[in-house]
Amino acid sequence: MLKKFSLLGMAFAASVTLATQVQAADPIELKLATFEPPHAFAAKSVLKAWADKVNKESGGRLNVKVFAGGVLGKPPQQYDIVKGGVADLAWTVLGYIGGQFPLSSVVDLPFLTTSSKGATHALNTLYEEGLLDAEFSGVKNIGMHTMHAYQFHFKDKKVTKPEQFKGLKIRVPSKIMGNILGKLGATPVRVPAPGTYEALQRGVLDGTPFPYAAVGSFRLGDVTKYHTEINISNTSFALLMNEDKYNSLPDDLKKVIDANSGHAFGDWAANLIDSNDGKQKEVIGAMEGHEVTIVSGADLDEYKKLLDPVEGEWLADMKSKNLDGEKVLARTKEVIGEMQ
């Protein structure tokens, strides 16, 4: 009888040990939120690819899962859901979030860059050098990037000259773009990126600024015909992580996250973004009934002349907030110049 109980006890102990080992082997799940639909380039080829890379390098001990389509929160809520722990990570347009990221908007200034490469490297350099510390207080900044430069996409009117913007209803993605549109005489209309298709379809918008890639991501080829290439602005994005969640990770898993952060994340993402944007431009140009116009010469000079005050107004705004906009802008131009 004693032998029987002893064997039972050993079996029970073994099962407990096995269960403990299985439990210890369960990966740590990290929820990564994005408002972009699952098929969109950023969601699939940047965020999902980053998640897969991190999961692999963690040896399966991390399981970063992408929740696309805004299922964890609407576009303007991405910062709040990651800071509040609804999501462990979130990818967001920094311009969507009130006045939280004023200095990071430097890359939105007109004609500063034509691609993601230089502006992305500049943003991560600014952060690395401590010039953006206050803006990211309370969250873990995994990395920043921009898209390719913004072009304009119009529903049914060809617009190439500055005066042709007058009275048109154009989507505004950021404060600086709102200023740009105002100087062109357009009416800025706030519409989150996923709502652009419907807004164009219903006539709420006459056009929208977007990189070429976003036309594919949001299927805007169905509701636009004319595409005007000006490289007029850009916008800053960041992949943010809940600070407490990051701090709760074992040190070796923090190292996996860190190895895929900062320039490692930004430069990798920018390369994918610029390559894809070129491909999407070709796709749009080949679509029946679509027309791409590249603005140059006197027309481009006129845009630059009209928008020249925007930079000074941004600097004045930063000064009013006691922020060193001049240092940030000078460093941004320096890095972009080095990258080009």
Protein backbone atom coordinates (compact mmCIF):
# COMPACT_ATOMS: atom_id res chain seq x y z
CA MET A 1 0.00 0.00 0.00
CA LEU A 2 2.83 2.38 0.92
CA LYS A 3 4.57 1.55 -2.31
CA LYS A 4 1.36 2.27 -4.24
CA PHE A 5 0.92 5.68 -2.57
CA SER A 6 4.60 6.43 -3.17
CA LEU A 7 4.22 5.72 -6.87
CA LEU A 8 1.09 7.88 -7.03
CA GLY A 9 2.91 10.69 -5.28
CA MET A 10 5.82 10.48 -7.69
CA ALA A 11 3.43 10.54 -10.66
CA PHE A 12 1.65 13.59 -9.25
CA ALA A 13 4.95 15.40 -8.63
CA ALA A 14 6.08 14.60 -12.16
CA SER A 15 2.85 15.97 -13.62
CA VAL A 16 3.18 19.18 -11.60
CA THR A 17 6.79 19.57 -12.78
CA LEU A 18 5.74 18.99 -16.40
CA ALA A 19 2.88 21.49 -16.10
CA THR A 20 5.25 24.06 -14.61
CA GLN A 21 7.70 23.53 -17.46
CA VAL A 22 4.96 23.91 -20.07
CA GLN A 23 3.69 27.04 -18.36
CA ALA A 24 7.23 28.48 -18.24
CA ALA A 25 7.63 27.76 -21.95
CA ASP A 26 4.52 29.71 -22.93
CA PRO A 27 5.58 32.77 -24.95
CA ILE A 28 4.90 36.28 -23.69
CA GLU A 29 2.20 37.76 -25.91
CA LEU A 30 2.54 41.38 -26.99
CA LYS A 31 -0.43 43.04 -28.72
CA LEU A 32 0.64 45.43 -31.50
CA ALA A 33 -2.12 47.79 -32.64
CA THR A 34 -2.45 49.59 -35.96
CA PHE A 35 -5.36 51.40 -37.58
CA GLU A 36 -4.29 50.25 -41.05
CA PRO A 37 -6.19 47.32 -42.59
CA PRO A 38 -4.43 43.93 -42.54
CA HIS A 39 -3.70 44.00 -46.29
CA ALA A 40 -2.11 47.48 -46.17
CA PHE A 41 1.61 47.78 -46.79
CA ALA A 42 2.56 49.21 -43.38
CA ALA A 43 0.50 46.61 -41.50
CA LYS A 44 1.71 43.64 -43.53
CA SER A 45 5.20 44.44 -44.78
CA VAL A 46 6.49 46.64 -41.95
CA LEU A 47 4.66 45.86 -38.69
CA LYS A 48 3.93 42.17 -39.26
CA ALA A 49 7.44 41.67 -40.63
CA TRP A 50 8.92 43.42 -37.56
CA ALA A 51 6.80 41.25 -35.26
CA ASP A 52 7.92 38.07 -37.04
CA LYS A 53 11.56 39.14 -36.78
CA VAL A 54 11.30 39.85 -33.05
CA ASN A 55 9.47 36.58 -32.42
CA LYS A 56 12.11 34.60 -34.27
CA GLU A 57 15.05 36.31 -32.57
CA SER A 58 13.46 35.71 -29.15
CA GLY A 59 13.57 31.97 -29.83
CA GLY A 60 9.78 31.84 -29.64
CA ARG A 61 9.67 33.33 -26.15
CA LEU A 62 7.92 36.45 -27.46
CA ASN A 63 4.73 36.34 -29.49
CA VAL A 64 4.08 39.78 -30.97
CA LYS A 65 0.63 39.69 -32.59
CA VAL A 66 -0.59 42.44 -34.91
CA PHE A 67 -4.16 43.69 -34.36
CA ALA A 68 -4.88 45.62 -37.56
CA GLY A 69 -7.84 47.65 -38.77
CA GLY A 70 -8.21 49.71 -35.60
CA VAL A 71 -9.78 46.86 -33.61
CA LEU A 72 -8.05 48.04 -30.43
CA GLY A 73 -8.65 51.74 -31.01
CA LYS A 74 -9.33 54.40 -33.63
CA PRO A 75 -6.42 56.24 -35.34
CA PRO A 76 -6.25 59.18 -32.88
CA GLN A 77 -6.39 56.76 -29.91
CA GLN A 78 -3.22 54.76 -30.66
CA TYR A 79 -1.03 56.71 -28.22
CA ASP A 80 -3.63 56.45 -25.45
CA ILE A 81 -4.20 52.71 -25.87
CA VAL A 82 -0.51 51.91 -25.62
CA LYS A 83 0.07 54.25 -22.68
CA GLY A 84 -2.98 52.82 -20.92
CA GLY A 85 -2.04 49.20 -21.61
CA VAL A 86 -4.95 48.28 -23.90
CA ALA A 87 -2.21 47.49 -26.43
CA ASP A 88 1.39 46.63 -25.60
CA LEU A 89 2.63 48.30 -28.76
CA ALA A 90 1.01 50.71 -31.19
CA TRP A 91 2.03 52.28 -34.49
CA THR A 92 0.76 55.81 -34.93
CA VAL A 93 0.93 59.06 -36.87
CA LEU A 94 2.40 61.47 -34.33
CA GLY A 95 0.47 64.36 -35.87
CA TYR A 96 -2.80 62.70 -34.85
CA ILE A 97 -1.99 63.21 -31.18
CA GLY A 98 -2.77 66.79 -30.17
CA GLY A 99 0.30 68.76 -29.17
CA GLN A 100 2.26 65.84 -27.71
CA PHE A 101 4.95 65.73 -30.41
CA PRO A 102 5.65 69.30 -31.62
CA LEU A 103 9.38 68.89 -32.36
CA SER A 104 8.85 65.55 -34.11
CA SER A 105 6.71 67.41 -36.66
CA VAL A 106 9.87 69.00 -38.09
CA VAL A 107 9.83 66.49 -40.97
CA ASP A 108 6.38 67.75 -41.99
CA LEU A 109 7.88 71.06 -43.13
CA PRO A 110 7.48 71.62 -46.88
CA PHE A 111 10.11 70.40 -49.34
CA LEU A 112 12.45 69.17 -46.60
CA THR A 113 12.78 65.70 -48.11
CA THR A 114 11.47 63.61 -50.99
CA SER A 115 11.83 60.18 -49.41
CA SER A 116 11.57 58.25 -46.16
CA LYS A 117 15.30 57.48 -45.91
CA GLY A 118 16.72 60.85 -44.87
CA ALA A 119 13.81 62.05 -42.75
CA THR A 120 13.58 58.72 -40.93
CA HIS A 121 17.28 58.70 -40.10
CA ALA A 122 16.98 62.31 -38.93
CA LEU A 123 14.09 61.53 -36.56
CA ASN A 124 15.88 58.60 -34.92
CA THR A 125 19.05 60.68 -34.66
CA LEU A 126 17.14 63.47 -32.91
CA TYR A 127 15.75 60.94 -30.44
CA GLU A 128 19.11 59.22 -29.95
CA GLU A 129 20.72 62.59 -29.17
CA GLY A 130 18.07 63.43 -26.57
CA LEU A 131 16.40 66.26 -28.49
CA LEU A 132 12.96 64.60 -28.34
CA ASP A 133 13.10 63.13 -24.82
CA ALA A 134 10.23 65.17 -23.38
CA GLU A 135 7.85 64.11 -26.15
CA PHE A 136 8.19 60.41 -25.35
CA SER A 137 7.99 60.61 -21.57
CA GLY A 138 5.86 57.73 -20.25
CA VAL A 139 6.20 55.45 -23.28
CA LYS A 140 8.99 53.35 -24.77
CA ASN A 141 9.90 54.66 -28.23
CA ILE A 142 10.76 51.62 -30.34
CA GLY A 143 11.53 53.66 -33.42
CA MET A 144 10.37 56.39 -35.76
CA HIS A 145 10.01 56.72 -39.50
CA THR A 146 8.28 58.74 -42.18
CA MET A 147 6.55 57.64 -45.32
CA HIS A 148 7.71 58.66 -48.78
CA ALA A 149 6.92 62.31 -49.50
CA TYR A 150 3.27 63.31 -49.88
CA GLN A 151 1.74 63.76 -53.31
CA PHE A 152 -1.82 64.93 -54.04
CA HIS A 153 -4.55 62.65 -55.34
CA PHE A 154 -7.76 64.18 -56.71
CA LYS A 155 -11.18 62.71 -57.35
CA ASP A 156 -12.18 64.26 -60.67
CA LYS A 157 -10.22 67.49 -61.14
CA LYS A 158 -6.67 67.85 -62.45
CA VAL A 159 -4.79 70.22 -60.15
CA THR A 160 -1.20 71.17 -60.92
CA LYS A 161 -0.88 74.91 -60.20
CA PRO A 162 -1.12 76.51 -56.73
CA GLU A 163 -4.11 78.69 -57.65
CA GLN A 164 -6.14 75.60 -58.63
CA PHE A 165 -6.33 74.53 -54.97
CA LYS A 166 -8.57 77.46 -54.10
CA GLY A 167 -11.86 76.28 -52.58
CA LEU A 168 -11.07 72.57 -52.82
CA LYS A 169 -11.80 70.35 -49.81
CA ILE A 170 -8.57 68.52 -49.03
CA ARG A 171 -7.85 66.02 -46.27
CA VAL A 172 -5.49 67.37 -43.63
CA PRO A 173 -3.28 64.79 -41.83
CA SER A 174 -1.28 67.21 -39.67
CA LYS A 175 -1.08 70.75 -38.31
CA ILE A 176 1.63 71.73 -40.77
CA MET A 177 -0.29 70.31 -43.73
CA GLY A 178 -3.26 72.37 -42.54
CA ASN A 179 -1.08 75.46 -42.74
CA ILE A 180 0.15 74.44 -46.19
CA LEU A 181 -3.40 73.92 -47.48
CA GLY A 182 -4.52 77.23 -46.02
CA LYS A 183 -1.78 79.07 -47.88
CA LEU A 184 -2.86 77.35 -51.10
CA GLY A 185 -6.45 78.52 -50.54
CA ALA A 186 -7.86 75.02 -49.98
CA THR A 187 -10.30 74.05 -47.25
CA PRO A 188 -8.62 71.60 -44.83
CA VAL A 189 -10.92 68.74 -43.75
CA ARG A 190 -9.96 66.36 -40.93
CA VAL A 191 -10.55 62.76 -41.98
CA PRO A 192 -8.65 59.77 -40.49
CA ALA A 193 -6.72 57.81 -43.11
CA PRO A 194 -9.10 54.78 -43.12
CA GLY A 195 -12.06 57.10 -43.81
CA THR A 196 -10.52 58.73 -46.88
CA TYR A 197 -12.08 56.36 -49.42
CA GLU A 198 -15.63 57.03 -48.22
CA ALA A 199 -15.01 60.79 -47.87
CA LEU A 200 -13.83 61.00 -51.48
CA GLN A 201 -16.65 58.79 -52.70
CA ARG A 202 -19.30 60.95 -50.99
CA GLY A 203 -17.77 64.26 -52.04
CA VAL A 204 -16.72 65.27 -48.53
CA LEU A 205 -13.22 65.53 -50.03
CA ASP A 206 -12.03 66.67 -53.45
CA GLY A 207 -8.56 65.30 -52.85
CA THR A 208 -6.02 64.08 -50.35
CA PRO A 209 -2.28 64.23 -49.72
CA PHE A 210 -0.77 60.76 -49.40
CA PRO A 211 2.37 58.92 -50.45
CA TYR A 212 1.73 56.72 -53.47
CA ALA A 213 1.76 53.61 -51.31
CA ALA A 214 -1.31 54.74 -49.37
CA VAL A 215 -3.34 54.87 -52.58
CA GLY A 216 -2.89 51.12 -52.76
CA SER A 217 -3.30 50.52 -49.02
CA PHE A 218 -6.65 52.34 -48.87
CA ARG A 219 -7.76 51.43 -52.42
CA LEU A 220 -8.04 55.05 -53.46
CA GLY A 221 -7.48 54.18 -57.10
CA ASP A 222 -11.24 53.56 -57.28
CA VAL A 223 -12.10 57.10 -56.17
CA THR A 224 -9.27 59.22 -57.61
CA LYS A 225 -8.13 59.90 -61.17
CA TYR A 226 -5.52 62.64 -61.04
CA HIS A 227 -2.22 62.42 -59.16
CA THR A 228 0.01 65.47 -58.75
CA GLU A 229 3.59 64.85 -57.66
CA ILE A 230 4.99 67.76 -55.64
CA ASN A 231 6.83 66.06 -52.73
CA ILE A 232 5.26 68.81 -50.67
CA SER A 233 5.49 67.40 -47.14
CA ASN A 234 5.93 64.28 -45.05
CA THR A 235 4.80 63.06 -41.66
CA SER A 236 6.30 61.34 -38.64
CA PHE A 237 5.27 57.90 -37.39
CA ALA A 238 6.41 55.98 -34.33
CA LEU A 239 6.16 52.46 -33.00
CA LEU A 240 5.51 52.91 -29.28
CA MET A 241 5.55 50.39 -26.44
CA ASN A 242 3.93 50.45 -23.03
CA GLU A 243 6.75 51.32 -20.64
CA ASP A 244 5.63 49.00 -17.84
CA LYS A 245 5.31 46.08 -20.25
CA TYR A 246 8.81 46.66 -21.59
CA ASN A 247 10.23 46.94 -18.06
CA SER A 248 8.52 43.67 -17.08
CA LEU A 249 10.40 41.66 -19.71
CA PRO A 250 13.47 39.59 -18.80
CA ASP A 251 16.72 41.36 -19.69
CA ASP A 252 17.52 39.05 -22.59
CA LEU A 253 14.13 39.74 -24.19
CA LYS A 254 14.58 43.48 -23.67
CA LYS A 255 17.78 43.09 -25.69
CA VAL A 256 15.81 41.50 -28.54
CA ILE A 257 13.44 44.50 -28.58
CA ASP A 258 16.35 46.95 -28.33
CA ALA A 259 18.19 45.28 -31.21
CA ASN A 260 15.15 46.00 -33.39
CA SER A 261 14.66 49.59 -32.24
CA GLY A 262 15.97 53.04 -33.13
CA HIS A 263 18.00 53.21 -36.34
CA ALA A 264 17.78 49.44 -36.76
CA PHE A 265 14.00 49.73 -37.00
CA GLY A 266 13.86 53.07 -38.84
CA ASP A 267 16.46 52.46 -41.54
CA TRP A 268 15.03 49.00 -42.24
CA ALA A 269 11.47 50.37 -42.48
CA ALA A 270 12.52 53.35 -44.64
CA ASN A 271 14.18 51.08 -47.18
CA LEU A 272 10.98 49.03 -47.50
CA ILE A 273 8.81 52.16 -47.67
CA ASP A 274 10.81 53.93 -50.39
CA SER A 275 11.04 50.79 -52.51
CA ASN A 276 7.31 50.14 -52.25
CA ASP A 277 6.37 53.74 -53.01
CA GLY A 278 8.22 53.59 -56.31
CA LYS A 279 6.42 50.39 -57.24
CA GLN A 280 3.03 51.86 -56.33
CA LYS A 281 3.67 54.95 -58.45
CA GLU A 282 4.17 52.64 -61.43
CA VAL A 283 0.95 50.77 -60.62
CA ILE A 284 -1.05 54.00 -60.40
CA GLY A 285 0.45 55.37 -63.59
CA ALA A 286 -0.57 52.22 -65.45
CA MET A 287 -4.19 52.31 -64.26
CA GLU A 288 -6.71 53.08 -67.00
CA GLY A 289 -8.12 56.59 -66.76
CA HIS A 290 -5.47 57.79 -64.30
CA GLU A 291 -3.01 60.60 -64.93
CA VAL A 292 0.20 61.41 -63.02
CA THR A 293 1.65 64.92 -63.33
CA ILE A 294 5.11 65.77 -61.99
CA VAL A 295 5.25 69.44 -61.04
CA SER A 296 8.50 71.16 -61.98
CA GLY A 297 9.98 74.41 -63.23
CA ALA A 298 8.09 77.65 -62.65
CA ASP A 299 5.08 75.88 -61.11
CA LEU A 300 7.27 74.18 -58.48
CA ASP A 301 9.03 77.48 -57.77
CA GLU A 302 5.64 79.09 -57.18
CA TYR A 303 4.70 76.44 -54.63
CA LYS A 304 8.00 76.95 -52.82
CA LYS A 305 7.56 80.73 -52.80
CA LEU A 306 4.02 80.50 -51.40
CA LEU A 307 5.02 78.00 -48.71
CA ASP A 308 8.32 79.60 -47.71
CA PRO A 309 6.76 81.25 -44.59
CA VAL A 310 5.70 77.86 -43.14
CA GLU A 311 9.17 77.11 -41.78
CA GLY A 312 9.44 80.44 -39.98
CA GLU A 313 5.96 80.04 -38.53
CA TRP A 314 6.90 76.59 -37.21
CA LEU A 315 10.02 78.02 -35.58
CA ALA A 316 7.95 80.78 -33.97
CA ASP A 317 5.49 78.18 -32.68
CA MET A 318 8.30 76.14 -31.14
CA LYS A 319 9.74 79.27 -29.52
CA SER A 320 6.34 80.09 -28.01
CA LYS A 321 6.43 76.64 -26.39
CA ASN A 322 9.98 77.22 -25.09
CA LEU A 323 11.31 74.52 -27.43
CA ASP A 324 14.55 74.76 -29.38
CA GLY A 325 13.09 74.42 -32.85
CA GLU A 326 16.12 76.03 -34.48
CA LYS A 327 18.48 73.36 -33.14
CA VAL A 328 16.10 70.55 -34.13
CA LEU A 329 15.56 71.94 -37.63
CA ALA A 330 19.27 72.56 -38.21
CA ARG A 331 20.16 69.02 -37.08
CA THR A 332 17.38 67.56 -39.23
CA LYS A 333 18.64 69.35 -42.34
CA GLU A 334 22.19 68.29 -41.55
CA VAL A 335 21.29 64.59 -41.25
CA ILE A 336 19.10 64.64 -44.36
CA GLY A 337 21.94 66.31 -46.27
CA GLU A 338 24.37 63.62 -45.13
CA MET A 339 21.98 60.84 -46.14
CA GLN A 340 21.43 62.29 -49.60
